[in-house]
C-alpha cells in the first residue's frame, strides 16, 4: 500500500519531464518571431525628415552639431569624396530544402559606401527549427557543394 503513492509520484515526475522535453522540441514549430530592422544608413533621407516631429529633428540636428564640434579642424587639400548610396549587387530567392524545411523570401547583397558588404534578408519566412543555416548558391537548383 505504501508503494502506490511512491509510484504515483514517480509517474507524475516522469510526465512532467516528458512534457517539458516535448514542449522544448515542438514549440519552435508554433512560435514565430518577427525582426524589423532599418537599413544601416547614418542619416535619414528627405522623406524621413519630413515625417519626423520638430523635437526629433532638433534632437538630430543637435547630435550632428555636437559630433561635428568634437572633430578637429584640418585643412584638406584633396577634393571631398562623393558618398555613394548602397549599391545592390546580387539578389536571390529562398527555396525549401525538402518537403518539411520550407523557406521563402529574398536575400539581397549590398555594397556600402565604405566597401563593406551587407546581406539583407527580406520577407524571410522559414520553418522554425533548432539549427538553421542559410547557404548562398550560384545555381537555381544546386546539385552539390560546387554550386554553393
N, C-alpha and C. Protein backbone atom coordinates (compact mmCIF):
# COMPACT_ATOMS: atom_id res chain seq x y z
N UNK A 1 0.80 -1.19 0.00
CA UNK A 1 0.00 0.00 0.00
C UNK A 1 0.85 1.27 0.00
N UNK A 2 2.00 1.22 0.67
CA UNK A 2 2.85 2.40 0.70
C UNK A 2 3.56 2.62 -0.62
N UNK A 3 3.61 1.62 -1.46
CA UNK A 3 4.30 1.76 -2.75
C UNK A 3 3.45 2.55 -3.74
N UNK A 4 2.15 2.52 -3.58
CA UNK A 4 1.28 3.18 -4.54
C UNK A 4 1.53 4.70 -4.61
N UNK A 5 1.62 5.44 -3.49
CA UNK A 5 1.92 6.88 -3.59
C UNK A 5 3.30 7.14 -4.20
N UNK A 6 4.26 6.28 -3.92
CA UNK A 6 5.60 6.44 -4.48
C UNK A 6 5.57 6.26 -6.00
N UNK A 7 4.87 5.24 -6.47
CA UNK A 7 4.75 5.00 -7.92
C UNK A 7 4.00 6.16 -8.57
N UNK A 8 2.95 6.64 -7.93
CA UNK A 8 2.18 7.77 -8.46
C UNK A 8 3.06 9.03 -8.54
N UNK A 9 3.85 9.30 -7.52
CA UNK A 9 4.75 10.47 -7.53
C UNK A 9 5.80 10.34 -8.62
N UNK A 10 6.38 9.17 -8.79
CA UNK A 10 7.35 8.96 -9.86
C UNK A 10 6.70 9.11 -11.23
N UNK A 11 5.49 8.63 -11.37
CA UNK A 11 4.76 8.78 -12.64
C UNK A 11 4.51 10.23 -12.98
N UNK A 12 4.11 11.02 -11.98
CA UNK A 12 3.86 12.45 -12.20
C UNK A 12 5.16 13.16 -12.58
N UNK A 13 6.25 12.84 -11.89
CA UNK A 13 7.54 13.46 -12.23
C UNK A 13 7.98 13.08 -13.64
N UNK A 14 7.76 11.82 -14.01
CA UNK A 14 8.12 11.37 -15.36
C UNK A 14 7.28 12.10 -16.41
N UNK A 15 5.99 12.28 -16.14
CA UNK A 15 5.13 13.02 -17.07
C UNK A 15 5.57 14.48 -17.20
N UNK A 16 5.98 15.09 -16.10
CA UNK A 16 6.46 16.49 -16.15
C UNK A 16 7.72 16.58 -17.00
N UNK A 17 8.65 15.65 -16.82
CA UNK A 17 9.90 15.66 -17.60
C UNK A 17 9.59 15.43 -19.08
N UNK A 18 8.74 14.47 -19.39
CA UNK A 18 8.38 14.18 -20.79
C UNK A 18 7.65 15.38 -21.40
N UNK A 19 6.75 16.00 -20.63
CA UNK A 19 6.02 17.17 -21.13
C UNK A 19 6.96 18.34 -21.42
N UNK A 20 7.92 18.57 -20.52
CA UNK A 20 8.88 19.67 -20.74
C UNK A 20 9.74 19.40 -21.97
N UNK A 21 10.19 18.17 -22.14
CA UNK A 21 11.00 17.82 -23.31
C UNK A 21 10.19 17.96 -24.59
N UNK A 22 8.92 17.52 -24.55
CA UNK A 22 8.06 17.63 -25.74
C UNK A 22 7.83 19.10 -26.10
N UNK A 23 7.60 19.95 -25.10
CA UNK A 23 7.41 21.38 -25.37
C UNK A 23 8.68 22.00 -25.95
N UNK A 24 9.82 21.67 -25.40
CA UNK A 24 11.09 22.20 -25.89
C UNK A 24 11.32 21.81 -27.35
N UNK A 25 11.00 20.59 -27.71
CA UNK A 25 11.24 20.12 -29.07
C UNK A 25 10.17 20.59 -30.06
N UNK A 26 8.93 20.73 -29.62
CA UNK A 26 7.84 21.07 -30.54
C UNK A 26 7.53 22.56 -30.60
N UNK A 27 7.88 23.33 -29.58
CA UNK A 27 7.49 24.75 -29.55
C UNK A 27 8.05 25.58 -30.71
N UNK A 28 9.24 25.31 -31.26
CA UNK A 28 9.69 26.12 -32.39
C UNK A 28 8.75 26.05 -33.60
N UNK A 29 7.94 25.02 -33.70
CA UNK A 29 7.01 24.91 -34.82
C UNK A 29 5.81 25.84 -34.65
N UNK A 30 5.55 26.31 -33.43
CA UNK A 30 4.36 27.12 -33.16
C UNK A 30 4.68 28.57 -32.80
N UNK A 31 5.91 28.87 -32.45
CA UNK A 31 6.29 30.21 -32.01
C UNK A 31 6.97 30.94 -33.17
N UNK A 32 6.46 32.11 -33.52
CA UNK A 32 7.02 32.91 -34.60
C UNK A 32 7.69 34.15 -34.01
N UNK A 33 8.80 34.54 -34.62
CA UNK A 33 9.48 35.78 -34.24
C UNK A 33 9.63 36.62 -35.50
N UNK A 34 9.35 37.90 -35.38
CA UNK A 34 9.49 38.82 -36.50
C UNK A 34 10.54 39.86 -36.14
N UNK A 35 11.47 40.08 -37.05
CA UNK A 35 12.52 41.08 -36.86
C UNK A 35 12.33 42.15 -37.92
N UNK A 36 12.23 43.39 -37.50
CA UNK A 36 12.13 44.53 -38.41
C UNK A 36 13.33 45.43 -38.15
N UNK A 37 14.29 45.44 -39.06
CA UNK A 37 15.47 46.29 -38.90
C UNK A 37 15.53 47.31 -40.02
N UNK A 38 15.94 48.51 -39.67
CA UNK A 38 16.14 49.55 -40.66
C UNK A 38 17.44 49.30 -41.40
N UNK A 39 17.52 49.78 -42.63
CA UNK A 39 18.74 49.68 -43.40
C UNK A 39 19.79 50.57 -42.75
N UNK A 40 21.04 50.11 -42.59
CA UNK A 40 22.04 50.88 -41.82
C UNK A 40 22.60 52.07 -42.59
N UNK A 41 21.86 53.16 -42.61
CA UNK A 41 22.33 54.41 -43.22
C UNK A 41 22.41 55.43 -42.10
N UNK A 42 23.47 56.23 -42.08
CA UNK A 42 23.73 57.10 -40.94
C UNK A 42 22.71 58.22 -40.77
N UNK A 43 22.28 58.87 -41.83
CA UNK A 43 21.34 59.98 -41.72
C UNK A 43 20.04 59.65 -42.44
N UNK A 44 18.91 60.13 -41.93
CA UNK A 44 17.64 59.86 -42.60
C UNK A 44 17.53 60.65 -43.89
N UNK A 45 16.74 60.14 -44.83
CA UNK A 45 16.51 60.81 -46.10
C UNK A 45 15.50 61.94 -45.94
N UNK A 46 15.24 62.64 -47.05
CA UNK A 46 14.32 63.78 -47.01
C UNK A 46 12.92 63.37 -46.58
N UNK A 47 12.44 62.25 -47.11
CA UNK A 47 11.08 61.82 -46.76
C UNK A 47 10.99 61.47 -45.28
N UNK A 48 12.04 60.86 -44.73
CA UNK A 48 12.03 60.53 -43.30
C UNK A 48 12.10 61.79 -42.46
N UNK A 49 12.86 62.79 -42.93
CA UNK A 49 12.96 64.06 -42.19
C UNK A 49 11.60 64.74 -42.13
N UNK A 50 10.84 64.67 -43.23
CA UNK A 50 9.52 65.30 -43.26
C UNK A 50 8.55 64.62 -42.30
N UNK A 51 8.74 63.31 -42.09
CA UNK A 51 7.84 62.56 -41.21
C UNK A 51 8.20 62.74 -39.73
N UNK A 52 9.41 63.24 -39.44
CA UNK A 52 9.84 63.42 -38.05
C UNK A 52 9.12 64.60 -37.41
N UNK A 53 8.94 64.49 -36.10
CA UNK A 53 8.38 65.63 -35.37
C UNK A 53 9.47 66.70 -35.24
N UNK A 54 9.05 67.89 -34.87
CA UNK A 54 10.00 69.00 -34.73
C UNK A 54 11.03 68.69 -33.64
N UNK A 55 10.60 68.06 -32.57
CA UNK A 55 11.50 67.70 -31.47
C UNK A 55 12.56 66.69 -31.94
N UNK A 56 12.14 65.70 -32.73
CA UNK A 56 13.10 64.71 -33.25
C UNK A 56 14.12 65.36 -34.18
N UNK A 57 13.65 66.29 -35.03
CA UNK A 57 14.57 66.99 -35.94
C UNK A 57 15.58 67.84 -35.17
N UNK A 58 15.13 68.53 -34.13
CA UNK A 58 16.04 69.34 -33.33
C UNK A 58 17.05 68.46 -32.60
N UNK A 59 16.59 67.34 -32.10
CA UNK A 59 17.49 66.41 -31.40
C UNK A 59 18.55 65.87 -32.36
N UNK A 60 18.16 65.52 -33.58
CA UNK A 60 19.10 65.02 -34.57
C UNK A 60 20.09 66.11 -34.96
N UNK A 61 19.61 67.34 -35.16
CA UNK A 61 20.50 68.45 -35.52
C UNK A 61 21.50 68.73 -34.40
N UNK A 62 21.06 68.68 -33.16
CA UNK A 62 21.95 68.89 -32.01
C UNK A 62 23.02 67.81 -31.96
N UNK A 63 22.61 66.56 -32.18
CA UNK A 63 23.56 65.44 -32.16
C UNK A 63 24.61 65.59 -33.26
N UNK A 64 24.18 65.99 -34.46
CA UNK A 64 25.11 66.17 -35.58
C UNK A 64 26.08 67.32 -35.28
N UNK A 65 25.57 68.42 -34.72
CA UNK A 65 26.43 69.57 -34.41
C UNK A 65 27.45 69.22 -33.32
N UNK A 66 27.03 68.47 -32.30
CA UNK A 66 27.96 68.08 -31.24
C UNK A 66 29.07 67.18 -31.79
N UNK A 67 28.70 66.28 -32.67
CA UNK A 67 29.70 65.39 -33.29
C UNK A 67 30.66 66.20 -34.15
N UNK A 68 30.14 67.17 -34.90
CA UNK A 68 30.99 67.99 -35.76
C UNK A 68 31.93 68.87 -34.93
N UNK A 69 31.46 69.41 -33.82
CA UNK A 69 32.31 70.25 -32.98
C UNK A 69 33.41 69.45 -32.30
N UNK A 70 33.18 68.17 -32.05
CA UNK A 70 34.19 67.34 -31.40
C UNK A 70 35.31 66.95 -32.35
N UNK A 71 35.10 67.10 -33.65
CA UNK A 71 36.13 66.76 -34.64
C UNK A 71 37.15 67.88 -34.75
N UNK A 72 38.43 67.53 -34.93
CA UNK A 72 39.44 68.58 -35.08
C UNK A 72 39.33 69.26 -36.45
N UNK A 73 39.68 70.56 -36.48
CA UNK A 73 39.68 71.31 -37.74
C UNK A 73 40.99 71.04 -38.47
N UNK A 74 40.90 70.54 -39.68
CA UNK A 74 42.08 70.28 -40.51
C UNK A 74 41.80 70.76 -41.92
N UNK A 75 42.83 71.32 -42.54
CA UNK A 75 42.69 71.76 -43.92
C UNK A 75 42.92 70.56 -44.83
N UNK A 76 41.98 70.33 -45.71
CA UNK A 76 42.07 69.20 -46.64
C UNK A 76 42.41 69.73 -48.03
N UNK A 77 43.42 69.16 -48.65
CA UNK A 77 43.83 69.59 -49.98
C UNK A 77 43.13 68.79 -51.08
N UNK A 78 42.84 67.52 -50.80
CA UNK A 78 42.20 66.70 -51.83
C UNK A 78 40.69 66.97 -51.83
N UNK A 79 40.05 66.75 -52.97
CA UNK A 79 38.61 67.00 -53.04
C UNK A 79 37.84 66.02 -52.15
N UNK A 80 36.68 66.46 -51.71
CA UNK A 80 35.83 65.62 -50.87
C UNK A 80 35.31 64.44 -51.69
N UNK A 81 35.35 63.26 -51.12
CA UNK A 81 34.80 62.12 -51.85
C UNK A 81 33.27 62.21 -51.88
N UNK A 82 32.72 61.77 -52.97
CA UNK A 82 31.27 61.76 -53.06
C UNK A 82 30.77 60.49 -52.39
N UNK A 83 29.84 60.66 -51.48
CA UNK A 83 29.31 59.49 -50.78
C UNK A 83 28.27 58.83 -51.68
N UNK A 84 28.50 57.58 -51.93
CA UNK A 84 27.57 56.88 -52.80
C UNK A 84 26.55 56.12 -51.96
N UNK A 85 25.41 55.94 -52.55
CA UNK A 85 24.35 55.19 -51.87
C UNK A 85 24.69 53.71 -51.90
N UNK A 86 24.13 52.94 -50.97
CA UNK A 86 24.37 51.49 -51.02
C UNK A 86 23.95 50.93 -52.38
N UNK A 87 24.80 50.09 -52.93
CA UNK A 87 24.55 49.54 -54.26
C UNK A 87 24.21 48.05 -54.14
N UNK A 88 23.08 47.68 -54.71
CA UNK A 88 22.67 46.27 -54.70
C UNK A 88 23.44 45.53 -55.78
N UNK A 89 24.18 44.48 -55.39
CA UNK A 89 24.99 43.75 -56.37
C UNK A 89 24.41 42.38 -56.71
N UNK A 90 23.67 41.77 -55.81
CA UNK A 90 23.08 40.46 -56.07
C UNK A 90 21.74 40.34 -55.35
N UNK A 91 20.84 39.57 -55.96
CA UNK A 91 19.54 39.27 -55.36
C UNK A 91 19.22 37.82 -55.63
N UNK A 92 18.62 37.16 -54.67
CA UNK A 92 18.21 35.77 -54.87
C UNK A 92 17.00 35.44 -54.03
N UNK A 93 16.32 34.37 -54.39
CA UNK A 93 15.13 33.92 -53.67
C UNK A 93 15.44 32.68 -52.86
N UNK A 94 14.78 32.55 -51.72
CA UNK A 94 14.94 31.35 -50.90
C UNK A 94 14.07 30.23 -51.44
N UNK A 95 14.56 29.02 -51.30
CA UNK A 95 13.80 27.83 -51.67
C UNK A 95 13.87 26.86 -50.50
N UNK A 96 12.90 25.96 -50.43
CA UNK A 96 12.88 24.97 -49.37
C UNK A 96 13.94 23.91 -49.59
N UNK A 97 14.45 23.36 -48.49
CA UNK A 97 15.46 22.31 -48.58
C UNK A 97 14.81 20.97 -48.90
N UNK A 98 13.62 20.72 -48.35
CA UNK A 98 12.89 19.49 -48.61
C UNK A 98 11.41 19.76 -48.33
N UNK A 99 10.59 18.71 -48.26
CA UNK A 99 9.15 18.91 -48.09
C UNK A 99 8.78 19.48 -46.71
N UNK A 100 9.63 19.32 -45.71
CA UNK A 100 9.32 19.82 -44.37
C UNK A 100 10.00 21.16 -44.08
N UNK A 101 11.24 21.32 -44.48
CA UNK A 101 12.01 22.54 -44.20
C UNK A 101 11.82 23.53 -45.35
N UNK A 102 10.81 24.37 -45.23
CA UNK A 102 10.48 25.32 -46.28
C UNK A 102 11.02 26.71 -45.94
N UNK A 103 11.42 27.43 -46.98
CA UNK A 103 11.89 28.80 -46.81
C UNK A 103 11.41 29.65 -47.97
N UNK A 104 11.13 30.92 -47.70
CA UNK A 104 10.74 31.84 -48.77
C UNK A 104 11.25 33.23 -48.41
N UNK A 105 11.31 34.09 -49.40
CA UNK A 105 11.79 35.45 -49.20
C UNK A 105 12.93 35.76 -50.14
N UNK A 106 13.58 36.88 -49.91
CA UNK A 106 14.68 37.32 -50.77
C UNK A 106 15.93 37.59 -49.94
N UNK A 107 17.07 37.28 -50.54
CA UNK A 107 18.37 37.65 -49.99
C UNK A 107 18.95 38.69 -50.94
N UNK A 108 19.37 39.83 -50.40
CA UNK A 108 19.92 40.90 -51.22
C UNK A 108 21.28 41.27 -50.66
N UNK A 109 22.27 41.37 -51.53
CA UNK A 109 23.63 41.74 -51.12
C UNK A 109 23.90 43.16 -51.60
N UNK A 110 24.31 44.02 -50.67
CA UNK A 110 24.61 45.42 -50.97
C UNK A 110 26.08 45.68 -50.69
N UNK A 111 26.67 46.62 -51.44
CA UNK A 111 27.99 47.16 -51.13
C UNK A 111 27.76 48.56 -50.59
N UNK A 112 28.23 48.80 -49.36
CA UNK A 112 28.04 50.10 -48.72
C UNK A 112 29.12 51.07 -49.18
N UNK A 113 29.00 52.33 -48.78
CA UNK A 113 29.92 53.38 -49.22
C UNK A 113 31.36 53.09 -48.83
N UNK A 114 31.58 52.43 -47.70
CA UNK A 114 32.95 52.14 -47.26
C UNK A 114 33.49 50.84 -47.85
N UNK A 115 32.74 50.19 -48.73
CA UNK A 115 33.21 48.98 -49.40
C UNK A 115 32.81 47.69 -48.73
N UNK A 116 32.22 47.77 -47.54
CA UNK A 116 31.79 46.54 -46.87
C UNK A 116 30.52 46.02 -47.53
N UNK A 117 30.32 44.72 -47.38
CA UNK A 117 29.13 44.09 -47.95
C UNK A 117 28.12 43.81 -46.86
N UNK A 118 26.85 43.91 -47.23
CA UNK A 118 25.76 43.70 -46.30
C UNK A 118 24.78 42.72 -46.91
N UNK A 119 24.46 41.65 -46.18
CA UNK A 119 23.46 40.68 -46.61
C UNK A 119 22.17 41.02 -45.89
N UNK A 120 21.13 41.29 -46.65
CA UNK A 120 19.83 41.65 -46.08
C UNK A 120 18.81 40.60 -46.49
N UNK A 121 18.11 40.03 -45.49
CA UNK A 121 17.06 39.05 -45.74
C UNK A 121 15.73 39.79 -45.65
N UNK A 122 14.94 39.75 -46.74
CA UNK A 122 13.68 40.47 -46.77
C UNK A 122 12.54 39.49 -47.00
N UNK A 123 11.42 39.73 -46.29
CA UNK A 123 10.24 38.87 -46.35
C UNK A 123 10.63 37.41 -46.12
N UNK A 124 11.57 37.20 -45.23
CA UNK A 124 12.12 35.87 -44.98
C UNK A 124 11.21 35.10 -44.04
N UNK A 125 10.76 33.95 -44.49
CA UNK A 125 9.95 33.05 -43.67
C UNK A 125 10.53 31.66 -43.82
N UNK A 126 10.63 30.94 -42.70
CA UNK A 126 11.21 29.61 -42.73
C UNK A 126 10.54 28.77 -41.65
N UNK A 127 10.48 27.47 -41.89
CA UNK A 127 10.00 26.56 -40.86
C UNK A 127 11.00 26.62 -39.71
N UNK A 128 10.50 26.92 -38.53
CA UNK A 128 11.37 27.11 -37.38
C UNK A 128 12.05 25.80 -37.01
N UNK A 129 13.24 25.89 -36.51
CA UNK A 129 13.98 24.71 -36.11
C UNK A 129 15.14 25.09 -35.22
N UNK A 130 15.82 24.11 -34.65
CA UNK A 130 16.88 24.40 -33.70
C UNK A 130 18.19 24.87 -34.32
N UNK A 131 18.50 24.48 -35.54
CA UNK A 131 19.81 24.78 -36.12
C UNK A 131 19.65 25.07 -37.60
N UNK A 132 19.38 26.33 -37.94
CA UNK A 132 19.11 26.71 -39.33
C UNK A 132 20.36 27.32 -39.95
N UNK A 133 20.58 27.02 -41.23
CA UNK A 133 21.71 27.57 -41.97
C UNK A 133 21.19 28.16 -43.27
N UNK A 134 21.77 29.28 -43.70
CA UNK A 134 21.46 29.88 -45.00
C UNK A 134 22.67 29.64 -45.89
N UNK A 135 22.45 28.98 -47.01
CA UNK A 135 23.52 28.72 -47.96
C UNK A 135 23.26 29.54 -49.22
N UNK A 136 24.27 30.25 -49.69
CA UNK A 136 24.14 31.03 -50.92
C UNK A 136 24.65 30.19 -52.07
N UNK A 137 23.83 30.05 -53.10
CA UNK A 137 24.18 29.20 -54.23
C UNK A 137 24.21 30.03 -55.51
N UNK A 138 25.08 29.63 -56.43
CA UNK A 138 25.16 30.31 -57.72
C UNK A 138 24.16 29.75 -58.72
N UNK A 139 23.68 28.56 -58.49
CA UNK A 139 22.73 27.90 -59.38
C UNK A 139 21.33 27.91 -58.75
N UNK A 140 20.26 27.96 -59.57
CA UNK A 140 18.91 27.94 -59.01
C UNK A 140 18.59 26.66 -58.23
N UNK A 141 19.09 25.53 -58.70
CA UNK A 141 18.88 24.25 -58.01
C UNK A 141 20.24 23.58 -57.84
N UNK A 142 20.98 23.92 -56.79
CA UNK A 142 22.32 23.38 -56.62
C UNK A 142 22.29 21.86 -56.46
N UNK A 143 23.19 21.19 -57.20
CA UNK A 143 23.25 19.73 -57.14
C UNK A 143 24.30 19.26 -56.15
N UNK A 144 25.27 20.09 -55.85
CA UNK A 144 26.33 19.68 -54.94
C UNK A 144 27.03 20.87 -54.34
N UNK A 145 28.09 20.61 -53.62
CA UNK A 145 28.82 21.65 -52.91
C UNK A 145 29.51 22.62 -53.88
N UNK A 146 29.80 22.18 -55.10
CA UNK A 146 30.46 23.06 -56.07
C UNK A 146 29.55 24.21 -56.51
N UNK A 147 28.23 24.06 -56.36
CA UNK A 147 27.29 25.09 -56.77
C UNK A 147 27.01 26.11 -55.66
N UNK A 148 27.65 25.94 -54.50
CA UNK A 148 27.42 26.86 -53.38
C UNK A 148 28.48 27.94 -53.35
